[in-house]
Protein backbone atom coordinates (compact mmCIF):
# COMPACT_ATOMS: atom_id res chain seq x y z
CA MET A 1 0.03 -0.01 0.00
CA ARG A 2 2.89 2.36 0.70
CA TYR A 3 4.27 1.85 -2.81
CA ILE A 4 1.15 3.36 -4.47
CA GLY A 5 2.25 6.91 -3.43
CA TRP A 6 5.66 6.32 -4.91
CA ALA A 7 4.21 4.94 -8.15
CA LEU A 8 1.94 7.96 -8.49
CA LEU A 9 4.86 10.28 -7.91
CA ILE A 10 6.99 8.47 -10.52
CA LEU A 11 4.05 8.56 -12.95
CA ALA A 12 3.58 12.30 -12.50
CA ALA A 13 7.29 12.90 -13.15
CA MET A 14 7.11 10.73 -16.27
CA GLU A 15 4.06 12.64 -17.47
CA VAL A 16 5.86 15.98 -17.12
CA ILE A 17 8.99 14.65 -18.86
CA SER A 18 6.83 13.31 -21.71
CA ILE A 19 5.09 16.66 -22.15
CA ILE A 20 8.44 18.47 -22.30
CA LEU A 21 9.86 15.92 -24.80
CA VAL A 22 6.85 16.00 -27.09
CA SER A 23 6.67 19.81 -26.99
CA ASN A 24 10.39 19.98 -27.99
CA LEU A 25 9.69 17.49 -30.77
CA ILE A 26 6.56 18.93 -32.40
CA GLY A 27 6.01 22.31 -30.74
CA GLY A 28 4.07 23.65 -27.76
CA GLY A 29 0.87 24.45 -29.65
CA TRP A 30 0.54 20.99 -31.17
CA THR A 31 1.34 19.41 -27.80
CA LEU A 32 -1.41 21.44 -26.13
CA LEU A 33 -3.81 20.44 -28.99
CA LEU A 34 -2.96 16.78 -28.47
CA ILE A 35 -3.47 16.96 -24.69
CA ILE A 36 -6.91 18.65 -25.22
CA LEU A 37 -7.92 16.08 -27.78
CA SER A 38 -6.97 13.15 -25.64
CA SER A 39 -8.82 14.70 -22.70
CA ALA A 40 -11.89 15.26 -24.89
CA CYS A 41 -11.72 11.59 -26.06
CA GLY A 42 -11.54 10.46 -22.40
CA VAL A 43 -14.56 12.53 -21.39
CA PHE A 44 -16.50 11.26 -24.34
CA MET A 45 -15.61 7.65 -23.51
CA LEU A 46 -16.77 8.19 -19.89
CA ARG A 47 -20.02 9.76 -21.01
CA ASN A 48 -20.81 6.90 -23.31
CA ILE A 49 -19.99 3.92 -21.03
CA GLY A 50 -22.13 4.92 -18.02
CA LEU A 51 -23.83 2.06 -16.20
CA SER A 52 -24.18 0.10 -19.44
CA GLY A 53 -20.68 -1.24 -19.05
CA LEU A 54 -21.56 -2.71 -15.66
CA PHE A 55 -24.74 -4.17 -17.06
CA LEU A 56 -22.77 -5.65 -19.96
CA ALA A 57 -20.39 -7.43 -17.60
CA VAL A 58 -23.26 -8.83 -15.52
CA ALA A 59 -25.14 -10.00 -18.62
CA THR A 60 -22.02 -11.74 -19.94
CA ILE A 61 -21.62 -13.61 -16.61
CA ARG A 62 -25.23 -14.74 -16.69
CA THR A 63 -25.17 -16.03 -20.22
CA GLY A 64 -22.47 -18.53 -19.36
CA SER A 65 -20.65 -18.03 -22.63
CA ASN A 66 -16.98 -18.77 -23.04
CA VAL A 67 -15.35 -15.50 -22.04
CA SER A 68 -11.96 -14.83 -20.52
CA ILE A 69 -11.37 -12.76 -17.39
CA TYR A 70 -9.68 -10.14 -19.58
CA GLN A 71 -12.81 -9.85 -21.72
CA LEU A 72 -15.03 -9.84 -18.64
CA LEU A 73 -13.14 -6.83 -17.25
CA TRP A 74 -13.78 -4.86 -20.48
CA PRO A 75 -15.95 -2.23 -18.75
CA LEU A 76 -13.33 -1.70 -16.09
CA ARG A 77 -10.53 -1.47 -18.72
CA TYR A 78 -12.62 1.00 -20.69
CA VAL A 79 -13.28 3.33 -17.72
CA LEU A 80 -9.64 3.11 -16.59
CA ALA A 81 -8.47 3.97 -20.12
CA ALA A 82 -10.85 6.92 -20.20
CA ILE A 83 -9.52 8.24 -16.95
CA MET A 84 -5.97 7.85 -18.23
CA LEU A 85 -6.83 9.74 -21.41
CA ILE A 86 -8.25 12.63 -19.35
CA SER A 87 -5.05 13.02 -17.39
CA PRO A 88 -2.52 15.29 -19.12
CA GLY A 89 0.58 13.62 -20.45
CA PHE A 90 1.50 10.99 -22.93
CA VAL A 91 2.73 8.08 -20.81
CA SER A 92 -0.86 7.56 -19.52
CA ASP A 93 -2.13 7.85 -23.09
CA ILE A 94 0.11 4.98 -24.08
CA PHE A 95 -1.17 2.89 -21.12
CA ALA A 96 -4.76 3.77 -22.13
CA ALA A 97 -4.11 2.62 -25.71
CA LEU A 98 -2.74 -0.66 -24.38
CA LEU A 99 -5.85 -1.13 -22.25
CA LEU A 100 -8.11 -0.67 -25.25
CA LEU A 101 -6.36 -3.38 -27.33
CA PRO A 102 -8.71 -6.34 -27.99
CA ILE A 103 -6.55 -9.01 -26.33
CA LYS A 104 -8.27 -12.28 -25.67
CA GLY A 105 -7.33 -14.61 -22.88
CA LYS A 106 -8.06 -18.17 -21.94
CA PRO A 107 -11.78 -18.87 -21.58
CA LEU A 108 -13.26 -19.10 -18.09
CA THR A 109 -15.35 -22.26 -18.85
CA SER A 110 -14.42 -25.26 -20.86
CA ALA A 111 -16.31 -26.22 -24.03
CA SER A 112 -17.46 -29.54 -22.43
CA SER A 113 -19.80 -27.69 -20.03
CA HIS A 114 -21.94 -26.46 -22.90
CA PRO A 115 -23.03 -29.51 -24.97
CA PHE A 116 -24.72 -27.52 -27.73
CA SER A 117 -21.86 -25.11 -28.34
CA ARG A 118 -19.12 -27.59 -29.25
CA ALA A 119 -18.47 -28.95 -32.68
CA PRO A 120 -18.96 -32.67 -33.34
CA GLN A 121 -15.83 -34.73 -33.40
CA SER A 122 -14.98 -37.07 -36.19
CA ASP A 123 -13.90 -39.97 -33.94
CA GLN A 124 -17.36 -40.44 -32.41
CA ASN A 125 -19.22 -43.57 -33.35
CA ASP A 126 -22.76 -42.18 -33.27
CA ILE A 127 -23.51 -42.28 -36.98
CA ILE A 128 -26.15 -44.76 -38.07
CA GLU A 129 -26.34 -45.47 -41.79
CA GLY A 130 -29.45 -46.77 -43.42
CA GLU A 131 -32.16 -46.33 -46.01
CA PHE A 132 -35.78 -45.43 -45.65
CA THR A 133 -38.82 -45.17 -47.85
CA VAL A 134 -41.83 -43.02 -47.51
CA GLU A 135 -45.12 -44.79 -48.10
CA ASN A 136 -48.16 -42.77 -48.80
CA ASP A 137 -51.34 -44.36 -47.41
CA ASN A 138 -53.54 -42.08 -49.43
CA ARG A 139 -56.29 -44.12 -51.10
CA GLN A 140 -56.77 -41.70 -53.97
CA LYS A 141 -54.03 -42.12 -56.47
CA HIS A 142 -53.42 -39.97 -59.48
CA HIS A 143 -53.36 -42.12 -62.61
CA SER A 144 -52.41 -41.24 -66.06
CA GLU A 145 -55.17 -40.81 -68.61
CA GLY A 146 -54.72 -44.24 -70.20
CA GLN A 147 -55.36 -46.24 -67.02
CA GLN A 148 -58.71 -47.25 -65.53
CA HIS A 149 -60.10 -45.90 -62.30
CA LEU A 150 -60.78 -48.82 -59.99
CA PRO A 151 -62.81 -48.43 -56.78
CA PRO A 152 -60.88 -48.63 -53.55
CA ARG A 153 -60.74 -52.04 -51.87
């Protein structure tokens, strides 16, 4: 717990250094414009996620589909990336971009727990081969014009 303060202090120093380096590289006006644009993107992301992200995570859990923990934490990653985009600096923007990457992890549940979602395997011996005929028990038969019409028996 005591390392969080040190980590935040180091992150703040890295943010200031990144702002200085980028402003030397592309100019102060463009750097300010990039900081304003990233903050606006972060605010837009926070406004759009709302409680729907939480409801999305709960719905994903209830469906029981094969999802990884990394996919399940998508709403949390999204909100954390938005907060990082709001903070001024470019180190946090890089971490935000990494959080928004669509990386998939190992599924939480195995495919054997859902019998209808797995593909049939070729080594199973559950195939029955055979022939069948369809017999029509309809008494009225359509005959060609040259045949006689006999009464039903």
